[in-house]
Amino acid sequence: HVFFNYLMDRRRGGLHLNAYAGIPAEEAQRHEWLEPGESVCGCVARDAECRVVEDISNQPPRGLGGPVGCFGIRAYACYPLMAGGSLIGTLSFGAKDRAHFSDADLALMKTVADQVSSALERARLIGELERSMDELEVRVRERTAQLSAANAELRAVPSRLITAQEEERKRLAGELHDSIGQTLAAVKFGIETVLSSMKRGNIEASRQHLDRF
């Protein structure tokens, strides 16, 4: 008639109500969090062992706690949900029409608890895998952007080299032009000096000028 599924919250160190049925929402909110050792579910979480509470109407309320003693629940069984040897939560069932559970009832509830444990663990693993894939996708995008930038940089290298070569050729051409121009000017001046000396009939001076060339 009722069930409660609590999951262990490692960061807070308590049990959080994940799913329920058979009680009003406002009552569920009152029992949203349980500490290990608090009520039947808290004790099951603390000890990682199943607990069965029967004939609740004749049980002292002390130690039951939580919603167990409310809403006409007469028999209650709570199972630890285990995965890889670690507690992940609890799953409990309550009956209003009987004071005791049969062996078949308990076996069925145990089977359901085991199946829920497996389903929750698969969901957790799938969630972790999805988060890992998302993180990997982010890293792949970042790495792809880095490689694209590096490739663009490499593609720009030949262009920069060609530009540098052109600038160097222009610089050398300018230096050669200036140097050759100076040399030609000096040669022209020397030739004019030799010719002038020859016109004046000064052969010795002309020979001296030619020797200096």
N, C-alpha and C. Protein backbone atom coordinates (compact mmCIF):
# COMPACT_ATOMS: atom_id res chain seq x y z
N HIS A 1 0.82 -1.20 0.00
CA HIS A 1 0.00 0.00 0.00
C HIS A 1 0.86 1.27 0.00
N VAL A 2 2.03 1.22 0.56
CA VAL A 2 2.95 2.36 0.55
C VAL A 2 4.36 1.86 0.24
N PHE A 3 5.15 2.75 -0.31
CA PHE A 3 6.58 2.44 -0.45
C PHE A 3 7.37 3.74 -0.35
N PHE A 4 8.62 3.60 0.06
CA PHE A 4 9.53 4.74 0.17
C PHE A 4 10.88 4.34 -0.39
N ASN A 5 11.41 5.20 -1.21
CA ASN A 5 12.76 4.98 -1.75
C ASN A 5 13.63 6.18 -1.36
N TYR A 6 14.60 5.90 -0.50
CA TYR A 6 15.57 6.91 -0.10
C TYR A 6 16.90 6.63 -0.80
N LEU A 7 17.60 7.68 -1.19
CA LEU A 7 18.93 7.56 -1.78
C LEU A 7 19.94 8.26 -0.88
N MET A 8 21.11 7.66 -0.77
CA MET A 8 22.17 8.24 0.07
C MET A 8 22.78 9.45 -0.63
N ASP A 9 22.82 10.53 0.08
CA ASP A 9 23.49 11.74 -0.41
C ASP A 9 24.84 11.83 0.30
N ARG A 10 25.92 11.50 -0.41
CA ARG A 10 27.25 11.44 0.20
C ARG A 10 27.72 12.82 0.66
N ARG A 11 27.38 13.84 -0.08
CA ARG A 11 27.85 15.17 0.30
C ARG A 11 27.22 15.64 1.59
N ARG A 12 25.93 15.37 1.74
CA ARG A 12 25.25 15.79 2.97
C ARG A 12 25.36 14.74 4.06
N GLY A 13 25.60 13.51 3.67
CA GLY A 13 25.73 12.45 4.66
C GLY A 13 24.41 11.95 5.20
N GLY A 14 23.33 12.11 4.42
CA GLY A 14 22.02 11.66 4.86
C GLY A 14 21.27 10.99 3.74
N LEU A 15 20.04 10.58 4.05
CA LEU A 15 19.16 9.93 3.08
C LEU A 15 18.15 10.94 2.56
N HIS A 16 17.97 10.96 1.24
CA HIS A 16 17.01 11.88 0.63
C HIS A 16 15.90 11.07 -0.01
N LEU A 17 14.65 11.47 0.25
CA LEU A 17 13.49 10.77 -0.30
C LEU A 17 13.44 10.98 -1.80
N ASN A 18 13.60 9.89 -2.55
CA ASN A 18 13.64 9.95 -4.00
C ASN A 18 12.29 9.67 -4.63
N ALA A 19 11.55 8.72 -4.07
CA ALA A 19 10.24 8.36 -4.60
C ALA A 19 9.41 7.76 -3.48
N TYR A 20 8.09 7.89 -3.63
CA TYR A 20 7.20 7.35 -2.59
C TYR A 20 5.80 7.18 -3.17
N ALA A 21 4.95 6.48 -2.45
CA ALA A 21 3.54 6.34 -2.82
C ALA A 21 2.77 5.94 -1.57
N GLY A 22 1.53 6.34 -1.53
CA GLY A 22 0.65 5.92 -0.45
C GLY A 22 0.53 6.89 0.69
N ILE A 23 1.23 8.04 0.65
CA ILE A 23 1.10 9.05 1.70
C ILE A 23 0.95 10.41 1.04
N PRO A 24 0.36 11.37 1.72
CA PRO A 24 0.20 12.71 1.14
C PRO A 24 1.55 13.39 0.90
N ALA A 25 1.55 14.30 -0.06
CA ALA A 25 2.80 14.99 -0.42
C ALA A 25 3.35 15.79 0.75
N GLU A 26 2.46 16.43 1.52
CA GLU A 26 2.95 17.23 2.63
C GLU A 26 3.61 16.37 3.70
N GLU A 27 3.11 15.16 3.87
CA GLU A 27 3.73 14.25 4.82
C GLU A 27 5.10 13.78 4.30
N ALA A 28 5.18 13.55 3.00
CA ALA A 28 6.46 13.15 2.41
C ALA A 28 7.50 14.25 2.59
N GLN A 29 7.08 15.50 2.46
CA GLN A 29 8.01 16.61 2.64
C GLN A 29 8.56 16.66 4.06
N ARG A 30 7.73 16.27 5.03
CA ARG A 30 8.19 16.27 6.42
C ARG A 30 9.31 15.25 6.64
N HIS A 31 9.31 14.21 5.80
CA HIS A 31 10.30 13.14 5.95
C HIS A 31 11.24 13.09 4.74
N GLU A 32 11.48 14.26 4.14
CA GLU A 32 12.32 14.31 2.93
C GLU A 32 13.75 13.88 3.23
N TRP A 33 14.24 14.18 4.41
CA TRP A 33 15.61 13.84 4.78
C TRP A 33 15.61 12.99 6.05
N LEU A 34 16.46 11.96 6.04
CA LEU A 34 16.67 11.13 7.23
C LEU A 34 18.17 11.01 7.48
N GLU A 35 18.53 10.97 8.73
CA GLU A 35 19.92 10.74 9.09
C GLU A 35 20.13 9.24 9.31
N PRO A 36 21.33 8.72 9.03
CA PRO A 36 21.61 7.30 9.33
C PRO A 36 21.31 7.01 10.80
N GLY A 37 20.52 5.95 11.02
CA GLY A 37 20.13 5.59 12.37
C GLY A 37 18.79 6.17 12.78
N GLU A 38 18.23 7.05 11.96
CA GLU A 38 16.94 7.66 12.26
C GLU A 38 15.82 6.84 11.63
N SER A 39 14.87 6.40 12.40
CA SER A 39 13.74 5.59 11.97
C SER A 39 14.24 4.27 11.38
N VAL A 40 13.30 3.50 10.84
CA VAL A 40 13.65 2.18 10.31
C VAL A 40 14.59 2.33 9.10
N CYS A 41 14.25 3.22 8.20
CA CYS A 41 15.08 3.38 6.99
C CYS A 41 16.49 3.83 7.35
N GLY A 42 16.60 4.74 8.30
CA GLY A 42 17.92 5.20 8.71
C GLY A 42 18.75 4.09 9.33
N CYS A 43 18.10 3.21 10.11
CA CYS A 43 18.83 2.08 10.71
C CYS A 43 19.28 1.10 9.65
N VAL A 44 18.41 0.87 8.65
CA VAL A 44 18.80 -0.03 7.55
C VAL A 44 19.99 0.55 6.79
N ALA A 45 19.96 1.86 6.57
CA ALA A 45 21.09 2.50 5.88
C ALA A 45 22.35 2.42 6.71
N ARG A 46 22.22 2.60 8.01
CA ARG A 46 23.39 2.55 8.89
C ARG A 46 23.99 1.15 8.95
N ASP A 47 23.15 0.12 9.05
CA ASP A 47 23.63 -1.24 9.24
C ASP A 47 23.74 -2.03 7.95
N ALA A 48 23.17 -1.49 6.85
CA ALA A 48 23.14 -2.19 5.56
C ALA A 48 22.53 -3.58 5.70
N GLU A 49 21.47 -3.66 6.49
CA GLU A 49 20.76 -4.92 6.69
C GLU A 49 19.25 -4.68 6.63
N CYS A 50 18.53 -5.68 6.11
CA CYS A 50 17.08 -5.59 6.02
C CYS A 50 16.45 -5.58 7.41
N ARG A 51 15.37 -4.81 7.52
CA ARG A 51 14.60 -4.82 8.77
C ARG A 51 13.12 -4.99 8.44
N VAL A 52 12.47 -5.86 9.21
CA VAL A 52 11.05 -6.09 9.05
C VAL A 52 10.38 -5.77 10.38
N VAL A 53 9.40 -4.89 10.32
CA VAL A 53 8.65 -4.51 11.53
C VAL A 53 7.20 -4.93 11.30
N GLU A 54 6.70 -5.83 12.12
CA GLU A 54 5.35 -6.36 11.94
C GLU A 54 4.49 -6.06 13.16
N ASP A 55 3.19 -6.20 12.93
CA ASP A 55 2.21 -5.94 13.99
C ASP A 55 2.48 -4.56 14.62
N ILE A 56 2.63 -3.56 13.72
CA ILE A 56 3.05 -2.23 14.17
C ILE A 56 2.07 -1.61 15.15
N SER A 57 0.78 -1.92 15.00
CA SER A 57 -0.20 -1.32 15.90
C SER A 57 0.04 -1.71 17.34
N ASN A 58 0.73 -2.82 17.57
CA ASN A 58 1.04 -3.26 18.93
C ASN A 58 2.49 -3.01 19.31
N GLN A 59 3.23 -2.30 18.43
CA GLN A 59 4.63 -1.99 18.71
C GLN A 59 4.72 -0.64 19.41
N PRO A 60 5.67 -0.48 20.32
CA PRO A 60 5.86 0.85 20.91
C PRO A 60 6.36 1.81 19.84
N PRO A 61 5.87 3.03 19.78
CA PRO A 61 6.27 3.98 18.72
C PRO A 61 7.73 4.36 18.77
N ARG A 62 8.34 4.22 19.94
CA ARG A 62 9.74 4.61 20.08
C ARG A 62 10.60 3.77 19.13
N GLY A 63 11.42 4.44 18.35
CA GLY A 63 12.35 3.76 17.45
C GLY A 63 11.81 3.57 16.05
N LEU A 64 10.49 3.69 15.87
CA LEU A 64 9.96 3.56 14.52
C LEU A 64 10.23 4.83 13.73
N GLY A 65 9.74 5.94 14.23
CA GLY A 65 10.02 7.22 13.60
C GLY A 65 9.52 7.29 12.18
N GLY A 66 9.80 8.43 11.54
CA GLY A 66 9.45 8.61 10.14
C GLY A 66 7.97 8.34 9.90
N PRO A 67 7.62 7.91 8.70
CA PRO A 67 6.21 7.69 8.37
C PRO A 67 5.72 6.29 8.70
N VAL A 68 6.58 5.46 9.29
CA VAL A 68 6.22 4.05 9.47
C VAL A 68 4.99 3.89 10.34
N GLY A 69 4.91 4.65 11.41
CA GLY A 69 3.81 4.47 12.34
C GLY A 69 2.55 5.22 11.96
N CYS A 70 2.52 5.80 10.77
CA CYS A 70 1.39 6.62 10.36
C CYS A 70 0.56 5.92 9.29
N PHE A 71 -0.64 6.42 9.08
CA PHE A 71 -1.47 6.04 7.95
C PHE A 71 -1.90 4.58 7.98
N GLY A 72 -1.99 4.01 9.13
CA GLY A 72 -2.53 2.66 9.26
C GLY A 72 -1.61 1.56 8.77
N ILE A 73 -0.32 1.81 8.65
CA ILE A 73 0.63 0.77 8.22
C ILE A 73 0.78 -0.25 9.35
N ARG A 74 0.56 -1.52 9.02
CA ARG A 74 0.59 -2.56 10.05
C ARG A 74 1.83 -3.45 9.93
N ALA A 75 2.37 -3.56 8.72
CA ALA A 75 3.59 -4.35 8.51
C ALA A 75 4.50 -3.58 7.56
N TYR A 76 5.80 -3.60 7.89
CA TYR A 76 6.74 -2.74 7.16
C TYR A 76 8.05 -3.49 6.98
N ALA A 77 8.59 -3.45 5.76
CA ALA A 77 9.88 -4.09 5.48
C ALA A 77 10.75 -3.11 4.70
N CYS A 78 11.96 -2.96 5.14
CA CYS A 78 12.90 -2.03 4.50
C CYS A 78 14.17 -2.77 4.12
N TYR A 79 14.61 -2.56 2.87
CA TYR A 79 15.78 -3.27 2.34
C TYR A 79 16.86 -2.26 1.96
N PRO A 80 18.12 -2.60 2.22
CA PRO A 80 19.21 -1.74 1.74
C PRO A 80 19.40 -1.94 0.24
N LEU A 81 19.67 -0.88 -0.45
CA LEU A 81 20.00 -0.95 -1.87
C LEU A 81 21.52 -0.87 -1.99
N MET A 82 22.11 -1.95 -2.48
CA MET A 82 23.56 -2.07 -2.52
C MET A 82 24.05 -2.13 -3.96
N ALA A 83 25.22 -1.60 -4.19
CA ALA A 83 25.87 -1.67 -5.51
C ALA A 83 27.37 -1.70 -5.29
N GLY A 84 27.99 -2.76 -5.73
CA GLY A 84 29.43 -2.87 -5.57
C GLY A 84 29.87 -2.86 -4.12
N GLY A 85 29.03 -3.40 -3.23
CA GLY A 85 29.38 -3.43 -1.82
C GLY A 85 29.13 -2.14 -1.07
N SER A 86 28.60 -1.13 -1.75
CA SER A 86 28.33 0.16 -1.12
C SER A 86 26.83 0.43 -1.10
N LEU A 87 26.39 1.09 -0.03
CA LEU A 87 24.98 1.44 0.09
C LEU A 87 24.66 2.62 -0.80
N ILE A 88 23.59 2.50 -1.59
CA ILE A 88 23.16 3.62 -2.42
C ILE A 88 21.81 4.16 -1.96
N GLY A 89 21.13 3.41 -1.09
CA GLY A 89 19.84 3.89 -0.59
C GLY A 89 19.06 2.78 0.07
N THR A 90 17.76 3.02 0.25
CA THR A 90 16.87 2.02 0.85
C THR A 90 15.57 1.98 0.07
N LEU A 91 14.90 0.84 0.13
CA LEU A 91 13.58 0.67 -0.47
C LEU A 91 12.72 -0.07 0.54
N SER A 92 11.58 0.52 0.89
CA SER A 92 10.73 -0.07 1.92
C SER A 92 9.30 -0.17 1.44
N PHE A 93 8.59 -1.14 2.00
CA PHE A 93 7.21 -1.43 1.63
C PHE A 93 6.37 -1.52 2.90
N GLY A 94 5.16 -0.99 2.84
CA GLY A 94 4.26 -1.08 3.98
C GLY A 94 2.90 -1.61 3.57
N ALA A 95 2.32 -2.44 4.41
CA ALA A 95 1.00 -3.02 4.15
C ALA A 95 0.04 -2.59 5.22
N LYS A 96 -1.21 -2.29 4.83
CA LYS A 96 -2.23 -1.89 5.78
C LYS A 96 -3.22 -3.02 6.10
N ASP A 97 -3.22 -4.06 5.27
CA ASP A 97 -4.23 -5.10 5.39
C ASP A 97 -3.71 -6.35 6.09
N ARG A 98 -2.52 -6.33 6.58
CA ARG A 98 -1.98 -7.50 7.28
C ARG A 98 -0.97 -7.04 8.32
N ALA A 99 -0.84 -7.81 9.34
CA ALA A 99 0.11 -7.49 10.41
C ALA A 99 1.44 -8.18 10.21
N HIS A 100 1.45 -9.18 9.33
CA HIS A 100 2.68 -9.94 9.10
C HIS A 100 2.85 -10.18 7.60
N PHE A 101 4.11 -10.31 7.18
CA PHE A 101 4.43 -10.66 5.80
C PHE A 101 4.70 -12.16 5.72
N SER A 102 4.28 -12.75 4.60
CA SER A 102 4.62 -14.15 4.37
C SER A 102 6.03 -14.24 3.80
N ASP A 103 6.58 -15.44 3.79
CA ASP A 103 7.91 -15.63 3.19
C ASP A 103 7.89 -15.24 1.73
N ALA A 104 6.77 -15.51 1.04
CA ALA A 104 6.67 -15.16 -0.37
C ALA A 104 6.67 -13.64 -0.54
N ASP A 105 5.97 -12.93 0.38
CA ASP A 105 5.98 -11.46 0.34
C ASP A 105 7.41 -10.93 0.47
N LEU A 106 8.12 -11.43 1.46
CA LEU A 106 9.48 -10.96 1.72
C LEU A 106 10.41 -11.29 0.56
N ALA A 107 10.24 -12.48 -0.03
CA ALA A 107 11.09 -12.87 -1.16
C ALA A 107 10.82 -11.97 -2.36
N LEU A 108 9.54 -11.64 -2.57
CA LEU A 108 9.20 -10.77 -3.69
C LEU A 108 9.78 -9.38 -3.48
N MET A 109 9.63 -8.84 -2.27
CA MET A 109 10.17 -7.51 -1.99
C MET A 109 11.68 -7.48 -2.11
N LYS A 110 12.35 -8.56 -1.69
CA LYS A 110 13.80 -8.66 -1.83
C LYS A 110 14.20 -8.64 -3.30
N THR A 111 13.45 -9.37 -4.12
CA THR A 111 13.74 -9.39 -5.56
C THR A 111 13.57 -8.01 -6.17
N VAL A 112 12.49 -7.35 -5.79
CA VAL A 112 12.26 -5.99 -6.31
C VAL A 112 13.39 -5.05 -5.87
N ALA A 113 13.80 -5.15 -4.62
CA ALA A 113 14.88 -4.29 -4.12
C ALA A 113 16.17 -4.54 -4.89
N ASP A 114 16.46 -5.80 -5.15
CA ASP A 114 17.68 -6.11 -5.91
C ASP A 114 17.60 -5.54 -7.32
N GLN A 115 16.42 -5.65 -7.94
CA GLN A 115 16.27 -5.11 -9.29
C GLN A 115 16.39 -3.59 -9.29
N VAL A 116 15.82 -2.95 -8.28
CA VAL A 116 15.93 -1.50 -8.18
C VAL A 116 17.38 -1.09 -7.97
N SER A 117 18.11 -1.85 -7.15
CA SER A 117 19.54 -1.57 -6.94
C SER A 117 20.29 -1.60 -8.26
N SER A 118 20.02 -2.65 -9.06
CA SER A 118 20.70 -2.78 -10.35
C SER A 118 20.33 -1.63 -11.28
N ALA A 119 19.02 -1.27 -11.29
CA ALA A 119 18.58 -0.19 -12.17
C ALA A 119 19.21 1.14 -11.77
N LEU A 120 19.25 1.41 -10.46
CA LEU A 120 19.85 2.66 -9.99
C LEU A 120 21.34 2.72 -10.29
N GLU A 121 22.02 1.58 -10.12
CA GLU A 121 23.45 1.56 -10.42
C GLU A 121 23.70 1.77 -11.90
N ARG A 122 22.86 1.16 -12.75
CA ARG A 122 23.01 1.38 -14.20
C ARG A 122 22.77 2.84 -14.54
N ALA A 123 21.73 3.41 -13.91
CA ALA A 123 21.45 4.83 -14.17
C ALA A 123 22.63 5.70 -13.74
N ARG A 124 23.23 5.37 -12.59
CA ARG A 124 24.39 6.14 -12.11
C ARG A 124 25.55 6.02 -13.08
N LEU A 125 25.81 4.78 -13.53
CA LEU A 125 26.93 4.57 -14.45
C LEU A 125 26.68 5.28 -15.78
N ILE A 126 25.43 5.22 -16.24
CA ILE A 126 25.10 5.90 -17.49
C ILE A 126 25.30 7.41 -17.33
N GLY A 127 24.86 7.93 -16.17
CA GLY A 127 25.06 9.36 -15.92
C GLY A 127 26.52 9.73 -15.90
N GLU A 128 27.35 8.91 -15.24
CA GLU A 128 28.78 9.18 -15.21
C GLU A 128 29.39 9.10 -16.61
N LEU A 129 28.92 8.10 -17.39
CA LEU A 129 29.43 7.95 -18.75
C LEU A 129 29.05 9.16 -19.59
N GLU A 130 27.80 9.62 -19.45
CA GLU A 130 27.38 10.80 -20.21
C GLU A 130 28.18 12.02 -19.81
N ARG A 131 28.43 12.19 -18.50
CA ARG A 131 29.24 13.33 -18.07
C ARG A 131 30.66 13.22 -18.62
N SER A 132 31.21 11.98 -18.61
CA SER A 132 32.56 11.79 -19.14
C SER A 132 32.60 12.10 -20.63
N MET A 133 31.55 11.68 -21.34
CA MET A 133 31.50 11.94 -22.79
C MET A 133 31.37 13.43 -23.05
N ASP A 134 30.56 14.11 -22.23
CA ASP A 134 30.43 15.57 -22.39
C ASP A 134 31.77 16.26 -22.15
N GLU A 135 32.48 15.83 -21.08
CA GLU A 135 33.78 16.42 -20.79
C GLU A 135 34.77 16.12 -21.92
N LEU A 136 34.72 14.88 -22.43
CA LEU A 136 35.61 14.52 -23.53
C LEU A 136 35.29 15.34 -24.77
N GLU A 137 34.01 15.55 -25.03
CA GLU A 137 33.62 16.34 -26.19
C GLU A 137 34.13 17.78 -26.07
N VAL A 138 34.05 18.32 -24.85
CA VAL A 138 34.55 19.67 -24.63
C VAL A 138 36.05 19.72 -24.87
N ARG A 139 36.77 18.71 -24.34
CA ARG A 139 38.23 18.68 -24.55
C ARG A 139 38.57 18.51 -26.02
N VAL A 140 37.77 17.69 -26.74
CA VAL A 140 38.03 17.48 -28.17
C VAL A 140 37.82 18.79 -28.92
N ARG A 141 36.75 19.53 -28.56
CA ARG A 141 36.51 20.81 -29.23
C ARG A 141 37.64 21.79 -28.95
N GLU A 142 38.09 21.82 -27.69
CA GLU A 142 39.18 22.72 -27.35
C GLU A 142 40.45 22.34 -28.11
N ARG A 143 40.74 21.03 -28.14
CA ARG A 143 41.94 20.57 -28.85
C ARG A 143 41.83 20.84 -30.34
N THR A 144 40.64 20.65 -30.90
CA THR A 144 40.43 20.92 -32.32
C THR A 144 40.67 22.39 -32.62
N ALA A 145 40.17 23.26 -31.73
CA ALA A 145 40.40 24.70 -31.92
C ALA A 145 41.89 25.03 -31.85
N GLN A 146 42.59 24.39 -30.91
CA GLN A 146 44.03 24.62 -30.80
C GLN A 146 44.76 24.16 -32.06
N LEU A 147 44.38 22.99 -32.56
CA LEU A 147 45.03 22.47 -33.77
C LEU A 147 44.71 23.35 -34.98
N SER A 148 43.48 23.85 -35.06
CA SER A 148 43.12 24.73 -36.17
C SER A 148 43.95 26.00 -36.12
N ALA A 149 44.12 26.53 -34.90
CA ALA A 149 44.94 27.74 -34.77
C ALA A 149 46.39 27.46 -35.15
N ALA A 150 46.90 26.27 -34.73
CA ALA A 150 48.27 25.91 -35.07
C ALA A 150 48.44 25.73 -36.58
N ASN A 151 47.43 25.09 -37.21
CA ASN A 151 47.50 24.90 -38.67
C ASN A 151 47.46 26.23 -39.39
N ALA A 152 46.61 27.14 -38.91
CA ALA A 152 46.56 28.47 -39.53
C ALA A 152 47.91 29.19 -39.38
N GLU A 153 48.52 29.00 -38.21
CA GLU A 153 49.84 29.60 -37.98
C GLU A 153 50.87 29.02 -38.93
N LEU A 154 50.82 27.68 -39.11
CA LEU A 154 51.77 27.04 -40.03
C LEU A 154 51.54 27.47 -41.46
N ARG A 155 50.25 27.61 -41.83
CA ARG A 155 49.97 28.05 -43.20
C ARG A 155 50.46 29.48 -43.45
N ALA A 156 50.51 30.27 -42.39
CA ALA A 156 50.96 31.64 -42.55
C ALA A 156 52.48 31.76 -42.63
N VAL A 157 53.20 30.70 -42.20
CA VAL A 157 54.67 30.75 -42.19
C VAL A 157 55.25 30.94 -43.59
N PRO A 158 54.86 30.14 -44.62
CA PRO A 158 55.43 30.36 -45.96
C PRO A 158 55.19 31.79 -46.46
N SER A 159 54.00 32.32 -46.20
CA SER A 159 53.72 33.68 -46.66
C SER A 159 54.65 34.67 -45.99
N ARG A 160 54.87 34.48 -44.69
CA ARG A 160 55.79 35.38 -43.99
C ARG A 160 57.22 35.23 -44.50
N LEU A 161 57.60 33.97 -44.81
CA LEU A 161 58.95 33.74 -45.35
C LEU A 161 59.13 34.42 -46.69
N ILE A 162 58.11 34.29 -47.54
CA ILE A 162 58.19 34.93 -48.87
C ILE A 162 58.28 36.44 -48.71
N THR A 163 57.47 36.98 -47.81
CA THR A 163 57.52 38.43 -47.57
C THR A 163 58.90 38.86 -47.07
N ALA A 164 59.46 38.05 -46.15
CA ALA A 164 60.78 38.37 -45.62
C ALA A 164 61.85 38.30 -46.71
N GLN A 165 61.72 37.29 -47.59
CA GLN A 165 62.70 37.16 -48.68
C GLN A 165 62.61 38.34 -49.64
N GLU A 166 61.36 38.75 -49.95
CA GLU A 166 61.19 39.88 -50.85
C GLU A 166 61.77 41.15 -50.24
N GLU A 167 61.53 41.33 -48.96
CA GLU A 167 62.07 42.52 -48.30
C GLU A 167 63.59 42.49 -48.28
N GLU A 168 64.15 41.27 -48.04
CA GLU A 168 65.61 41.15 -48.03
C GLU A 168 66.19 41.43 -49.41
N ARG A 169 65.52 40.91 -50.47
CA ARG A 169 66.01 41.17 -51.83
C ARG A 169 65.97 42.67 -52.16
N LYS A 170 64.86 43.30 -51.72
CA LYS A 170 64.77 44.74 -51.98
C LYS A 170 65.87 45.50 -51.25
N ARG A 171 66.14 45.07 -50.00
CA ARG A 171 67.19 45.74 -49.24
C ARG A 171 68.55 45.58 -49.91
N LEU A 172 68.87 44.32 -50.32
CA LEU A 172 70.15 44.07 -50.98
C LEU A 172 70.25 44.81 -52.31
N ALA A 173 69.11 44.82 -53.05
CA ALA A 173 69.13 45.53 -54.33
C ALA A 173 69.40 47.02 -54.12
N GLY A 174 68.78 47.57 -53.07
CA GLY A 174 69.03 48.98 -52.78
C GLY A 174 70.48 49.24 -52.42
N GLU A 175 71.04 48.32 -51.56
CA GLU A 175 72.44 48.50 -51.18
C GLU A 175 73.36 48.37 -52.39
N LEU A 176 73.07 47.35 -53.25
CA LEU A 176 73.91 47.18 -54.45
C LEU A 176 73.79 48.38 -55.38
N HIS A 177 72.55 48.88 -55.50
CA HIS A 177 72.35 50.04 -56.38
C HIS A 177 73.16 51.24 -55.89
N ASP A 178 73.09 51.46 -54.58
CA ASP A 178 73.85 52.59 -54.03
C ASP A 178 75.34 52.39 -54.19
N SER A 179 75.80 51.13 -53.93
CA SER A 179 77.25 50.87 -54.02
C SER A 179 77.75 50.98 -55.44
N ILE A 180 76.99 50.37 -56.37
CA ILE A 180 77.42 50.43 -57.79
C ILE A 180 77.39 51.86 -58.31
N GLY A 181 76.34 52.59 -57.85
CA GLY A 181 76.24 54.00 -58.29
C GLY A 181 77.45 54.80 -57.84
N GLN A 182 77.87 54.56 -56.59
CA GLN A 182 79.03 55.28 -56.08
C GLN A 182 80.28 54.89 -56.87
N THR A 183 80.39 53.55 -57.15
CA THR A 183 81.57 53.07 -57.89
C THR A 183 81.61 53.66 -59.30
N LEU A 184 80.45 53.64 -59.95
CA LEU A 184 80.40 54.19 -61.32
C LEU A 184 80.71 55.69 -61.32
N ALA A 185 80.25 56.38 -60.31
CA ALA A 185 80.53 57.81 -60.22
C ALA A 185 82.02 58.05 -60.06
N ALA A 186 82.65 57.18 -59.22
CA ALA A 186 84.09 57.33 -59.02
C ALA A 186 84.84 57.03 -60.31
N VAL A 187 84.39 55.96 -61.03
CA VAL A 187 85.05 55.61 -62.31
C VAL A 187 84.90 56.75 -63.31
N LYS A 188 83.69 57.30 -63.37
CA LYS A 188 83.43 58.41 -64.31
C LYS A 188 84.33 59.60 -63.98
N PHE A 189 84.44 59.89 -62.69
CA PHE A 189 85.27 61.01 -62.28
C PHE A 189 86.74 60.74 -62.62
N GLY A 190 87.18 59.50 -62.42
CA GLY A 190 88.57 59.17 -62.73
C GLY A 190 88.86 59.25 -64.22
N ILE A 191 87.91 58.76 -65.02
CA ILE A 191 88.12 58.79 -66.47
C ILE A 191 88.18 60.24 -66.94
N GLU A 192 87.29 61.05 -66.40
CA GLU A 192 87.30 62.46 -66.80
C GLU A 192 88.62 63.11 -66.42
N THR A 193 89.14 62.73 -65.26
CA THR A 193 90.43 63.30 -64.82
C THR A 193 91.56 62.87 -65.76
N VAL A 194 91.57 61.57 -66.16
CA VAL A 194 92.60 61.06 -67.08
C VAL A 194 92.52 61.77 -68.43
N LEU A 195 91.27 61.89 -68.93
CA LEU A 195 91.08 62.53 -70.24
C LEU A 195 91.54 63.99 -70.19
N SER A 196 91.24 64.63 -69.07
CA SER A 196 91.64 66.03 -68.94
C SER A 196 93.16 66.15 -68.93
N SER A 197 93.83 65.22 -68.25
CA SER A 197 95.29 65.27 -68.21
C SER A 197 95.88 64.99 -69.59
N MET A 198 95.27 64.06 -70.33
CA MET A 198 95.78 63.73 -71.67
C MET A 198 95.60 64.92 -72.60
N LYS A 199 94.47 65.62 -72.46
CA LYS A 199 94.26 66.80 -73.32
C LYS A 199 95.30 67.85 -73.05
N ARG A 200 95.72 67.94 -71.82
CA ARG A 200 96.73 68.93 -71.49
C ARG A 200 98.13 68.43 -71.84
N GLY A 201 98.23 67.19 -72.35
CA GLY A 201 99.52 66.63 -72.74
C GLY A 201 100.33 66.09 -71.60
N ASN A 202 99.68 65.95 -70.44
CA ASN A 202 100.37 65.46 -69.25
C ASN A 202 100.20 63.95 -69.18
N ILE A 203 101.02 63.24 -69.96
CA ILE A 203 100.89 61.79 -70.06
C ILE A 203 101.24 61.12 -68.74
N GLU A 204 102.21 61.61 -68.04
CA GLU A 204 102.64 60.99 -66.78
C GLU A 204 101.53 61.06 -65.73
N ALA A 205 100.88 62.22 -65.68
CA ALA A 205 99.77 62.36 -64.72
C ALA A 205 98.63 61.44 -65.09
N SER A 206 98.38 61.28 -66.43
CA SER A 206 97.31 60.37 -66.86
C SER A 206 97.63 58.93 -66.45
N ARG A 207 98.92 58.51 -66.61
CA ARG A 207 99.31 57.15 -66.24
C ARG A 207 99.15 56.95 -64.74
N GLN A 208 99.48 57.92 -63.94
CA GLN A 208 99.36 57.80 -62.49
C GLN A 208 97.88 57.61 -62.06
N HIS A 209 97.04 58.43 -62.80
CA HIS A 209 95.60 58.28 -62.48
C HIS A 209 95.09 56.86 -62.85
N LEU A 210 95.56 56.35 -63.97
CA LEU A 210 95.12 55.01 -64.39
C LEU A 210 95.63 53.95 -63.44
N ASP A 211 96.85 54.13 -62.93
CA ASP A 211 97.40 53.16 -61.97
C ASP A 211 96.55 53.11 -60.69
N ARG A 212 96.02 54.26 -60.31
CA ARG A 212 95.20 54.25 -59.09
C ARG A 212 93.87 53.53 -59.25
N PHE A 213 93.41 53.36 -60.49
CA PHE A 213 92.22 52.59 -60.74
C PHE A 213 92.47 51.08 -60.54
